């Protein structure tokens, strides 16, 4: 029993370290930006995904300067007269789990 106890202790320490490592923060595959809009067509938001950014902090530092090109390349469903009223950077898709209203 005295020989097994040190082995069990070492295994417990190694397994605990592996669990803590696996629970650590994962690097994101990119950042989602939910852009709030004001337009006559009542389209309130436009979501874009940027795989070149990895953190919310990077997104927040660069989004304001990137907004003109993002809006210029928006799909036809986004009215060209849309005014940006705000934005939110996120590592998760803001559209996931939302229910859309039927018209």
Protein backbone atom coordinates (compact mmCIF):
# COMPACT_ATOMS: atom_id res chain seq x y z
CA UNK A 1 0.00 0.00 0.00
CA UNK A 2 2.89 2.39 0.79
CA UNK A 3 4.25 1.90 -2.76
CA UNK A 4 0.90 2.57 -4.42
CA UNK A 5 0.16 5.82 -2.57
CA UNK A 6 2.95 7.88 -4.25
CA UNK A 7 1.88 6.60 -7.68
CA UNK A 8 -1.75 7.55 -7.02
CA UNK A 9 -0.64 11.00 -5.79
CA UNK A 10 1.45 11.60 -8.92
CA UNK A 11 -1.39 10.43 -11.18
CA UNK A 12 -3.81 12.74 -9.36
CA UNK A 13 -1.51 15.72 -9.88
CA UNK A 14 -1.00 14.92 -13.57
CA UNK A 15 -4.73 14.39 -14.20
CA UNK A 16 -5.59 17.59 -12.32
CA UNK A 17 -3.13 19.53 -14.45
CA UNK A 18 -4.58 18.07 -17.64
CA UNK A 19 -8.11 19.01 -16.56
CA UNK A 20 -7.07 22.58 -15.79
CA UNK A 21 -5.27 22.87 -19.12
CA UNK A 22 -8.25 21.58 -21.07
CA UNK A 23 -10.56 24.08 -19.33
CA UNK A 24 -8.35 27.01 -20.36
CA UNK A 25 -9.48 29.69 -22.79
CA UNK A 26 -9.52 28.49 -26.38
CA UNK A 27 -8.33 30.70 -29.19
CA UNK A 28 -11.28 31.83 -31.25
CA UNK A 29 -11.62 31.05 -34.95
CA UNK A 30 -12.63 34.65 -35.52
CA UNK A 31 -14.86 37.44 -34.26
CA UNK A 32 -18.50 38.21 -35.01
CA UNK A 33 -19.56 41.83 -35.29
CA UNK A 34 -23.24 42.67 -34.86
CA UNK A 35 -23.80 46.06 -36.48
CA UNK A 36 -26.92 47.97 -35.42
CA UNK A 37 -28.60 49.79 -38.29
CA UNK A 38 -31.20 52.48 -38.84
CA UNK A 39 -32.99 52.43 -42.20
CA UNK A 40 -36.42 52.73 -43.80
CA UNK A 41 -36.69 48.96 -44.39
CA UNK A 42 -36.61 48.12 -40.65
CA UNK A 43 -33.53 45.93 -40.98
CA UNK A 44 -32.07 46.42 -37.52
CA UNK A 45 -28.84 44.43 -37.56
CA UNK A 46 -26.21 43.04 -39.88
CA UNK A 47 -23.75 40.40 -38.63
CA UNK A 48 -20.32 39.86 -40.16
CA UNK A 49 -17.62 37.34 -39.25
CA UNK A 50 -13.94 38.24 -39.42
CA UNK A 51 -11.60 35.22 -39.30
CA UNK A 52 -8.54 37.50 -39.20
CA UNK A 53 -9.33 38.78 -35.70
CA UNK A 54 -8.99 36.45 -32.72
CA UNK A 55 -10.10 38.55 -29.75
CA UNK A 56 -12.88 40.98 -28.88
CA UNK A 57 -10.22 43.54 -27.98
CA UNK A 58 -8.73 43.41 -31.50
CA UNK A 59 -12.19 43.82 -32.95
CA UNK A 60 -13.09 46.81 -30.78
CA UNK A 61 -9.86 48.58 -31.74
CA UNK A 62 -10.35 48.11 -35.48
CA UNK A 63 -14.10 48.09 -36.15
CA UNK A 64 -14.73 51.83 -36.38
CA UNK A 65 -12.17 52.26 -39.14
CA UNK A 66 -13.46 49.19 -40.97
CA UNK A 67 -17.16 50.14 -40.94
CA UNK A 68 -17.14 52.08 -44.24
CA UNK A 69 -15.71 49.13 -46.17
CA UNK A 70 -17.97 46.64 -44.37
CA UNK A 71 -21.06 48.64 -45.27
CA UNK A 72 -19.86 49.20 -48.84
CA UNK A 73 -19.59 45.45 -49.35
CA UNK A 74 -22.84 44.57 -47.57
CA UNK A 75 -25.21 42.25 -49.45
CA UNK A 76 -28.10 43.74 -51.44
CA UNK A 77 -30.55 42.87 -48.63
CA UNK A 78 -28.95 45.60 -46.51
CA UNK A 79 -30.32 48.98 -47.65
CA UNK A 80 -27.63 51.31 -48.96
CA UNK A 81 -29.12 54.20 -46.96
CA UNK A 82 -28.52 52.37 -43.65
CA UNK A 83 -26.91 54.38 -40.86
CA UNK A 84 -24.76 52.53 -38.36
CA UNK A 85 -25.98 53.26 -34.83
CA UNK A 86 -23.65 50.91 -32.95
CA UNK A 87 -21.87 47.59 -32.94
CA UNK A 88 -20.91 44.74 -30.66
CA UNK A 89 -17.96 42.37 -31.04
CA UNK A 90 -18.37 38.76 -29.87
CA UNK A 91 -16.62 35.41 -30.08
CA UNK A 92 -19.98 33.67 -30.51
CA UNK A 93 -22.56 34.09 -33.25
CA UNK A 94 -25.11 36.62 -31.97
CA UNK A 95 -27.76 35.03 -34.20
CA UNK A 96 -27.53 31.61 -32.53
CA UNK A 97 -30.54 30.85 -30.42
CA UNK A 98 -32.55 33.87 -31.57
CA UNK A 99 -36.07 33.33 -32.79
CA UNK A 100 -37.24 35.38 -35.73
CA UNK A 101 -40.72 36.85 -35.89
CA UNK A 102 -42.97 35.85 -38.76
CA UNK A 103 -44.47 38.70 -40.77
